[in-house]
Amino acid sequence: MITKQISVSEFKARCTEEIRAVEKGDIVIELTRHGKKVAVVKSPEAAASTPDMGSWIGSGKGTVAFGASYNPDAPAWDSTDWES
């Protein structure tokens, strides 16, 4: 799928043809104002396939292994690491 960036004013002038291209599933349109992205226009199918934040939260659970000497109650740094 192709992502196309166009300005809001350009989109306004060619809205119908741009929406038709999105409906076909050919493109995703990023609308910009003064070079900054302000909106994204995509088909419902493309929007449904985009992972949301909830799908990756907690996905790393159980993937970290601590060494045998790890003590979660110990200070995060040694006092000798800092200058007096």
PDB file of N, CA and C in Angstrom:
ATOM      1  N   MET A   1       0.846  -1.183   0.000  1.00  0.00           N
ATOM      2  CA  MET A   1       0.000   0.000   0.000  1.00  0.00           C
ATOM      3  C   MET A   1       0.883   1.234   0.000  1.00  0.00           C
ATOM      4  N   ILE A   2       0.525   2.181  -0.778  1.00  0.00           N
ATOM      5  CA  ILE A   2       1.298   3.412  -0.941  1.00  0.00           C
ATOM      6  C   ILE A   2       0.758   4.485   0.000  1.00  0.00           C
ATOM      7  N   THR A   3       1.657   5.198   0.659  1.00  0.00           N
ATOM      8  CA  THR A   3       1.274   6.332   1.497  1.00  0.00           C
ATOM      9  C   THR A   3       1.619   7.607   0.734  1.00  0.00           C
ATOM     10  N   LYS A   4       0.639   8.471   0.619  1.00  0.00           N
ATOM     11  CA  LYS A   4       0.793   9.705  -0.152  1.00  0.00           C
ATOM     12  C   LYS A   4       0.546  10.892   0.771  1.00  0.00           C
ATOM     13  N   GLN A   5       1.458  11.857   0.776  1.00  0.00           N
ATOM     14  CA  GLN A   5       1.279  13.073   1.566  1.00  0.00           C
ATOM     15  C   GLN A   5       0.826  14.196   0.646  1.00  0.00           C
ATOM     16  N   ILE A   6      -0.284  14.824   1.018  1.00  0.00           N
ATOM     17  CA  ILE A   6      -0.754  15.992   0.278  1.00  0.00           C
ATOM     18  C   ILE A   6      -1.246  17.040   1.262  1.00  0.00           C
ATOM     19  N   SER A   7      -1.218  18.271   0.817  1.00  0.00           N
ATOM     20  CA  SER A   7      -1.674  19.357   1.683  1.00  0.00           C
ATOM     21  C   SER A   7      -3.196  19.336   1.780  1.00  0.00           C
ATOM     22  N   VAL A   8      -3.700  19.922   2.829  1.00  0.00           N
ATOM     23  CA  VAL A   8      -5.151  19.998   3.035  1.00  0.00           C
ATOM     24  C   VAL A   8      -5.808  20.732   1.874  1.00  0.00           C
ATOM     25  N   SER A   9      -5.201  21.805   1.409  1.00  0.00           N
ATOM     26  CA  SER A   9      -5.798  22.574   0.310  1.00  0.00           C
ATOM     27  C   SER A   9      -5.826  21.756  -0.984  1.00  0.00           C
ATOM     28  N   GLU A  10      -4.790  20.987  -1.256  1.00  0.00           N
ATOM     29  CA  GLU A  10      -4.773  20.130  -2.440  1.00  0.00           C
ATOM     30  C   GLU A  10      -5.839  19.034  -2.314  1.00  0.00           C
ATOM     31  N   PHE A  11      -5.960  18.464  -1.126  1.00  0.00           N
ATOM     32  CA  PHE A  11      -6.978  17.433  -0.889  1.00  0.00           C
ATOM     33  C   PHE A  11      -8.376  18.013  -1.100  1.00  0.00           C
ATOM     34  N   LYS A  12      -8.570  19.227  -0.622  1.00  0.00           N
ATOM     35  CA  LYS A  12      -9.863  19.894  -0.764  1.00  0.00           C
ATOM     36  C   LYS A  12     -10.243  20.048  -2.234  1.00  0.00           C
ATOM     37  N   ALA A  13      -9.267  20.361  -3.069  1.00  0.00           N
ATOM     38  CA  ALA A  13      -9.516  20.567  -4.494  1.00  0.00           C
ATOM     39  C   ALA A  13      -9.798  19.255  -5.229  1.00  0.00           C
ATOM     40  N   ARG A  14      -9.198  18.136  -4.754  1.00  0.00           N
ATOM     41  CA  ARG A  14      -9.341  16.861  -5.453  1.00  0.00           C
ATOM     42  C   ARG A  14      -9.904  15.770  -4.555  1.00  0.00           C
ATOM     43  N   CYS A  15     -10.730  16.137  -3.618  1.00  0.00           N
ATOM     44  CA  CYS A  15     -11.243  15.231  -2.600  1.00  0.00           C
ATOM     45  C   CYS A  15     -11.886  13.975  -3.185  1.00  0.00           C
ATOM     46  N   THR A  16     -12.778  14.127  -4.143  1.00  0.00           N
ATOM     47  CA  THR A  16     -13.516  12.989  -4.687  1.00  0.00           C
ATOM     48  C   THR A  16     -12.587  11.941  -5.277  1.00  0.00           C
ATOM     49  N   GLU A  17     -11.641  12.345  -6.101  1.00  0.00           N
ATOM     50  CA  GLU A  17     -10.752  11.358  -6.719  1.00  0.00           C
ATOM     51  C   GLU A  17      -9.803  10.728  -5.705  1.00  0.00           C
ATOM     52  N   GLU A  18      -9.392  11.487  -4.695  1.00  0.00           N
ATOM     53  CA  GLU A  18      -8.523  10.932  -3.659  1.00  0.00           C
ATOM     54  C   GLU A  18      -9.280   9.902  -2.816  1.00  0.00           C
ATOM     55  N   ILE A  19     -10.530  10.200  -2.478  1.00  0.00           N
ATOM     56  CA  ILE A  19     -11.352   9.260  -1.712  1.00  0.00           C
ATOM     57  C   ILE A  19     -11.591   7.981  -2.516  1.00  0.00           C
ATOM     58  N   ARG A  20     -11.798   8.095  -3.808  1.00  0.00           N
ATOM     59  CA  ARG A  20     -11.976   6.902  -4.660  1.00  0.00           C
ATOM     60  C   ARG A  20     -10.736   6.020  -4.628  1.00  0.00           C
ATOM     61  N   ALA A  21      -9.556   6.631  -4.660  1.00  0.00           N
ATOM     62  CA  ALA A  21      -8.315   5.859  -4.599  1.00  0.00           C
ATOM     63  C   ALA A  21      -8.182   5.148  -3.251  1.00  0.00           C
ATOM     64  N   VAL A  22      -8.594   5.812  -2.188  1.00  0.00           N
ATOM     65  CA  VAL A  22      -8.565   5.198  -0.862  1.00  0.00           C
ATOM     66  C   VAL A  22      -9.557   4.037  -0.808  1.00  0.00           C
ATOM     67  N   GLU A  23     -10.746   4.223  -1.366  1.00  0.00           N
ATOM     68  CA  GLU A  23     -11.760   3.163  -1.382  1.00  0.00           C
ATOM     69  C   GLU A  23     -11.259   1.908  -2.096  1.00  0.00           C
ATOM     70  N   LYS A  24     -10.509   2.094  -3.170  1.00  0.00           N
ATOM     71  CA  LYS A  24      -9.957   0.955  -3.915  1.00  0.00           C
ATOM     72  C   LYS A  24      -8.905   0.214  -3.100  1.00  0.00           C
ATOM     73  N   GLY A  25      -8.391   0.868  -2.094  1.00  0.00           N
ATOM     74  CA  GLY A  25      -7.347   0.267  -1.277  1.00  0.00           C
ATOM     75  C   GLY A  25      -5.954   0.508  -1.819  1.00  0.00           C
ATOM     76  N   ASP A  26      -5.841   1.405  -2.801  1.00  0.00           N
ATOM     77  CA  ASP A  26      -4.543   1.671  -3.424  1.00  0.00           C
ATOM     78  C   ASP A  26      -3.613   2.493  -2.535  1.00  0.00           C
ATOM     79  N   ILE A  27      -4.167   3.442  -1.785  1.00  0.00           N
ATOM     80  CA  ILE A  27      -3.317   4.385  -1.058  1.00  0.00           C
ATOM     81  C   ILE A  27      -3.860   4.701   0.328  1.00  0.00           C
ATOM     82  N   VAL A  28      -2.982   5.242   1.133  1.00  0.00           N
ATOM     83  CA  VAL A  28      -3.320   5.884   2.407  1.00  0.00           C
ATOM     84  C   VAL A  28      -2.861   7.318   2.242  1.00  0.00           C
ATOM     85  N   ILE A  29      -3.699   8.256   2.601  1.00  0.00           N
ATOM     86  CA  ILE A  29      -3.372   9.672   2.417  1.00  0.00           C
ATOM     87  C   ILE A  29      -3.066  10.310   3.766  1.00  0.00           C
ATOM     88  N   GLU A  30      -1.933  10.976   3.833  1.00  0.00           N
ATOM     89  CA  GLU A  30      -1.587  11.772   5.005  1.00  0.00           C
ATOM     90  C   GLU A  30      -1.783  13.237   4.627  1.00  0.00           C
ATOM     91  N   LEU A  31      -2.689  13.899   5.316  1.00  0.00           N
ATOM     92  CA  LEU A  31      -2.960  15.311   5.051  1.00  0.00           C
ATOM     93  C   LEU A  31      -2.001  16.167   5.875  1.00  0.00           C
ATOM     94  N   THR A  32      -1.432  17.173   5.216  1.00  0.00           N
ATOM     95  CA  THR A  32      -0.469  18.034   5.899  1.00  0.00           C
ATOM     96  C   THR A  32      -0.914  19.492   5.852  1.00  0.00           C
ATOM     97  N   ARG A  33      -0.503  20.219   6.872  1.00  0.00           N
ATOM     98  CA  ARG A  33      -0.707  21.671   6.909  1.00  0.00           C
ATOM     99  C   ARG A  33       0.632  22.274   7.298  1.00  0.00           C
ATOM    100  N   HIS A  34       1.181  23.078   6.424  1.00  0.00           N
ATOM    101  CA  HIS A  34       2.496  23.692   6.623  1.00  0.00           C
ATOM    102  C   HIS A  34       3.564  22.622   6.860  1.00  0.00           C
ATOM    103  N   GLY A  35       3.442  21.499   6.150  1.00  0.00           N
ATOM    104  CA  GLY A  35       4.435  20.437   6.229  1.00  0.00           C
ATOM    105  C   GLY A  35       4.280  19.481   7.392  1.00  0.00           C
ATOM    106  N   LYS A  36       3.318  19.725   8.271  1.00  0.00           N
ATOM    107  CA  LYS A  36       3.105  18.839   9.420  1.00  0.00           C
ATOM    108  C   LYS A  36       1.863  17.993   9.204  1.00  0.00           C
ATOM    109  N   LYS A  37       1.967  16.696   9.506  1.00  0.00           N
ATOM    110  CA  LYS A  37       0.844  15.787   9.334  1.00  0.00           C
ATOM    111  C   LYS A  37      -0.266  16.133  10.325  1.00  0.00           C
ATOM    112  N   VAL A  38      -1.497  16.299   9.796  1.00  0.00           N
ATOM    113  CA  VAL A  38      -2.623  16.653  10.650  1.00  0.00           C
ATOM    114  C   VAL A  38      -3.722  15.592  10.643  1.00  0.00           C
ATOM    115  N   ALA A  39      -3.731  14.712   9.624  1.00  0.00           N
ATOM    116  CA  ALA A  39      -4.764  13.686   9.555  1.00  0.00           C
ATOM    117  C   ALA A  39      -4.314  12.576   8.615  1.00  0.00           C
ATOM    118  N   VAL A  40      -4.933  11.407   8.780  1.00  0.00           N
ATOM    119  CA  VAL A  40      -4.674  10.270   7.904  1.00  0.00           C
ATOM    120  C   VAL A  40      -6.015   9.763   7.397  1.00  0.00           C
ATOM    121  N   VAL A  41      -6.104   9.552   6.075  1.00  0.00           N
ATOM    122  CA  VAL A  41      -7.317   9.024   5.459  1.00  0.00           C
ATOM    123  C   VAL A  41      -6.972   7.644   4.927  1.00  0.00           C
ATOM    124  N   LYS A  42      -7.659   6.613   5.447  1.00  0.00           N
ATOM    125  CA  LYS A  42      -7.420   5.257   4.986  1.00  0.00           C
ATOM    126  C   LYS A  42      -8.715   4.476   4.972  1.00  0.00           C
ATOM    127  N   SER A  43      -8.737   3.397   4.217  1.00  0.00           N
ATOM    128  CA  SER A  43      -9.939   2.579   4.114  1.00  0.00           C
ATOM    129  C   SER A  43     -10.208   1.894   5.455  1.00  0.00           C
ATOM    130  N   PRO A  44     -11.452   1.496   5.703  1.00  0.00           N
ATOM    131  CA  PRO A  44     -11.753   0.798   6.955  1.00  0.00           C
ATOM    132  C   PRO A  44     -10.938  -0.487   7.116  1.00  0.00           C
ATOM    133  N   GLU A  45     -10.669  -1.174   6.006  1.00  0.00           N
ATOM    134  CA  GLU A  45      -9.874  -2.403   6.076  1.00  0.00           C
ATOM    135  C   GLU A  45      -8.449  -2.105   6.520  1.00  0.00           C
ATOM    136  N   ALA A  46      -7.871  -1.035   5.980  1.00  0.00           N
ATOM    137  CA  ALA A  46      -6.510  -0.639   6.359  1.00  0.00           C
ATOM    138  C   ALA A  46      -6.473  -0.183   7.818  1.00  0.00           C
ATOM    139  N   ALA A  47      -7.510   0.511   8.244  1.00  0.00           N
ATOM    140  CA  ALA A  47      -7.561   0.984   9.633  1.00  0.00           C
ATOM    141  C   ALA A  47      -7.674  -0.194  10.594  1.00  0.00           C
ATOM    142  N   ALA A  48      -8.431  -1.219  10.211  1.00  0.00           N
ATOM    143  CA  ALA A  48      -8.607  -2.391  11.069  1.00  0.00           C
ATOM    144  C   ALA A  48      -7.321  -3.202  11.168  1.00  0.00           C
ATOM    145  N   SER A  49      -6.500  -3.171  10.135  1.00  0.00           N
ATOM    146  CA  SER A  49      -5.267  -3.961  10.146  1.00  0.00           C
ATOM    147  C   SER A  49      -4.122  -3.246  10.855  1.00  0.00           C
ATOM    148  N   THR A  50      -4.297  -1.985  11.208  1.00  0.00           N
ATOM    149  CA  THR A  50      -3.275  -1.234  11.921  1.00  0.00           C
ATOM    150  C   THR A  50      -3.300  -1.626  13.391  1.00  0.00           C
ATOM    151  N   PRO A  51      -2.167  -2.124  13.923  1.00  0.00           N
ATOM    152  CA  PRO A  51      -2.168  -2.526  15.332  1.00  0.00           C
ATOM    153  C   PRO A  51      -2.365  -1.316  16.242  1.00  0.00           C
ATOM    154  N   ASP A  52      -3.137  -1.507  17.286  1.00  0.00           N
ATOM    155  CA  ASP A  52      -3.341  -0.428  18.244  1.00  0.00           C
ATOM    156  C   ASP A  52      -2.379  -0.597  19.413  1.00  0.00           C
ATOM    157  N   MET A  53      -2.319   0.395  20.264  1.00  0.00           N
ATOM    158  CA  MET A  53      -1.380   0.379  21.376  1.00  0.00           C
ATOM    159  C   MET A  53      -1.634  -0.812  22.299  1.00  0.00           C
ATOM    160  N   GLY A  54      -2.868  -1.160  22.510  1.00  0.00           N
ATOM    161  CA  GLY A  54      -3.191  -2.257  23.413  1.00  0.00           C
ATOM    162  C   GLY A  54      -2.660  -3.599  22.957  1.00  0.00           C
ATOM    163  N   SER A  55      -2.384  -3.739  21.660  1.00  0.00           N
ATOM    164  CA  SER A  55      -1.908  -5.022  21.163  1.00  0.00           C
ATOM    165  C   SER A  55      -0.450  -5.292  21.539  1.00  0.00           C
ATOM    166  N   TRP A  56       0.326  -4.268  21.861  1.00  0.00           N
ATOM    167  CA  TRP A  56       1.721  -4.524  22.210  1.00  0.00           C
ATOM    168  C   TRP A  56       2.029  -4.297  23.680  1.00  0.00           C
ATOM    169  N   ILE A  57       1.135  -3.679  24.427  1.00  0.00           N
ATOM    170  CA  ILE A  57       1.386  -3.490  25.849  1.00  0.00           C
ATOM    171  C   ILE A  57       1.388  -4.856  26.531  1.00  0.00           C
ATOM    172  N   GLY A  58       2.421  -5.120  27.242  1.00  0.00           N
ATOM    173  CA  GLY A  58       2.554  -6.395  27.934  1.00  0.00           C
ATOM    174  C   GLY A  58       3.113  -7.506  27.067  1.00  0.00           C
ATOM    175  N   SER A  59       3.411  -7.223  25.804  1.00  0.00           N
ATOM    176  CA  SER A  59       3.898  -8.271  24.914  1.00  0.00           C
ATOM    177  C   SER A  59       5.299  -8.752  25.283  1.00  0.00           C
ATOM    178  N   GLY A  60       6.030  -8.002  26.079  1.00  0.00           N
ATOM    179  CA  GLY A  60       7.372  -8.411  26.491  1.00  0.00           C
ATOM    180  C   GLY A  60       7.402  -9.148  27.811  1.00  0.00           C
ATOM    181  N   LYS A  61       6.249  -9.404  28.389  1.00  0.00           N
ATOM    182  CA  LYS A  61       6.185 -10.065  29.693  1.00  0.00           C
ATOM    183  C   LYS A  61       6.864 -11.433  29.631  1.00  0.00           C
ATOM    184  N   GLY A  62       7.732 -11.654  30.596  1.00  0.00           N
ATOM    185  CA  GLY A  62       8.417 -12.938  30.676  1.00  0.00           C
ATOM    186  C   GLY A  62       9.644 -13.054  29.781  1.00  0.00           C
ATOM    187  N   THR A  63      10.056 -11.966  29.141  1.00  0.00           N
ATOM    188  CA  THR A  63      11.191 -12.051  28.224  1.00  0.00           C
ATOM    189  C   THR A  63      12.494 -11.551  28.838  1.00  0.00           C
ATOM    190  N   VAL A  64      12.453 -11.021  30.055  1.00  0.00           N
ATOM    191  CA  VAL A  64      13.653 -10.506  30.705  1.00  0.00           C
ATOM    192  C   VAL A  64      14.130 -11.525  31.738  1.00  0.00           C
ATOM    193  N   ALA A  65      15.415 -11.821  31.702  1.00  0.00           N
ATOM    194  CA  ALA A  65      16.003 -12.735  32.689  1.00  0.00           C
ATOM    195  C   ALA A  65      17.030 -11.954  33.498  1.00  0.00           C
ATOM    196  N   PHE A  66      16.921 -12.016  34.811  1.00  0.00           N
ATOM    197  CA  PHE A  66      17.857 -11.324  35.686  1.00  0.00           C
ATOM    198  C   PHE A  66      18.950 -12.293  36.121  1.00  0.00           C
ATOM    199  N   GLY A  67      20.143 -11.758  36.319  1.00  0.00           N
ATOM    200  CA  GLY A  67      21.257 -12.569  36.794  1.00  0.00           C
ATOM    201  C   GLY A  67      21.040 -13.015  38.226  1.00  0.00           C
ATOM    202  N   ALA A  68      21.823 -14.008  38.624  1.00  0.00           N
ATOM    203  CA  ALA A  68      21.680 -14.569  39.978  1.00  0.00           C
ATOM    204  C   ALA A  68      21.982 -13.538  41.058  1.00  0.00           C
ATOM    205  N   SER A  69      22.840 -12.560  40.751  1.00  0.00           N
ATOM    206  CA  SER A  69      23.213 -11.565  41.759  1.00  0.00           C
ATOM    207  C   SER A  69      22.257 -10.362  41.798  1.00  0.00           C
ATOM    208  N   TYR A  70      21.234 -10.352  40.971  1.00  0.00           N
ATOM    209  CA  TYR A  70      20.298  -9.225  40.932  1.00  0.00           C
ATOM    210  C   TYR A  70      19.478  -9.164  42.212  1.00  0.00           C
ATOM    211  N   ASN A  71      19.433  -7.966  42.808  1.00  0.00           N
ATOM    212  CA  ASN A  71      18.639  -7.744  44.011  1.00  0.00           C
ATOM    213  C   ASN A  71      17.714  -6.559  43.737  1.00  0.00           C
ATOM    214  N   PRO A  72      16.409  -6.798  43.582  1.00  0.00           N
ATOM    215  CA  PRO A  72      15.498  -5.697  43.270  1.00  0.00           C
ATOM    216  C   PRO A  72      15.393  -4.661  44.381  1.00  0.00           C
ATOM    217  N   ASP A  73      15.826  -5.003  45.588  1.00  0.00           N
ATOM    218  CA  ASP A  73      15.738  -4.068  46.709  1.00  0.00           C
ATOM    219  C   ASP A  73      17.005  -3.231  46.861  1.00  0.00           C
ATOM    220  N   ALA A  74      18.036  -3.529  46.088  1.00  0.00           N
ATOM    221  CA  ALA A  74      19.298  -2.793  46.183  1.00  0.00           C
ATOM    222  C   ALA A  74      19.163  -1.447  45.478  1.00  0.00           C
ATOM    223  N   PRO A  75      19.989  -0.462  45.843  1.00  0.00           N
ATOM    224  CA  PRO A  75      19.959   0.828  45.142  1.00  0.00           C
ATOM    225  C   PRO A  75      20.274   0.650  43.651  1.00  0.00           C
ATOM    226  N   ALA A  76      19.782   1.550  42.853  1.00  0.00           N
ATOM    227  CA  ALA A  76      19.981   1.462  41.412  1.00  0.00           C
ATOM    228  C   ALA A  76      21.412   1.806  41.016  1.00  0.00           C
ATOM    229  N   TRP A  77      22.173   2.469  41.888  1.00  0.00           N
ATOM    230  CA  TRP A  77      23.551   2.826  41.597  1.00  0.00           C
ATOM    231  C   TRP A  77      24.381   2.711  42.854  1.00  0.00           C
ATOM    232  N   ASP A  78      25.658   2.672  42.657  1.00  0.00           N
ATOM    233  CA  ASP A  78      26.608   2.620  43.765  1.00  0.00           C
ATOM    234  C   ASP A  78      27.025   4.051  44.080  1.00  0.00           C
ATOM    235  N   SER A  79      27.194   4.359  45.339  1.00  0.00           N
ATOM    236  CA  SER A  79      27.540   5.736  45.710  1.00  0.00           C
ATOM    237  C   SER A  79      28.894   6.149  45.148  1.00  0.00           C
ATOM    238  N   THR A  80      29.754   5.185  44.813  1.00  0.00           N
ATOM    239  CA  THR A  80      31.065   5.524  44.219  1.00  0.00           C
ATOM    240  C   THR A  80      30.921   5.956  42.766  1.00  0.00           C
ATOM    241  N   ASP A  81      29.765   5.761  42.182  1.00  0.00           N
ATOM    242  CA  ASP A  81      29.529   6.194  40.793  1.00  0.00           C
ATOM    243  C   ASP A  81      29.364   7.704  40.681  1.00  0.00           C
ATOM    244  N   TRP A  82      29.168   8.396  41.786  1.00  0.00           N
ATOM    245  CA  TRP A  82      28.909   9.823  41.777  1.00  0.00           C
ATOM    246  C   TRP A  82      30.044  10.572  42.432  1.00  0.00           C
ATOM    247  N   GLU A  83      30.361  11.731  41.889  1.00  0.00           N
ATOM    248  CA  GLU A  83      31.391  12.579  42.489  1.00  0.00           C
ATOM    249  C   GLU A  83      30.809  13.304  43.693  1.00  0.00           C
ATOM    250  N   SER A  84      31.663  13.569  44.659  1.00  0.00           N
ATOM    251  CA  SER A  84      31.206  14.298  45.852  1.00  0.00           C
ATOM    252  C   SER A  84      31.434  15.761  45.695  1.00  0.00           C
TER     253      SER A  84
END
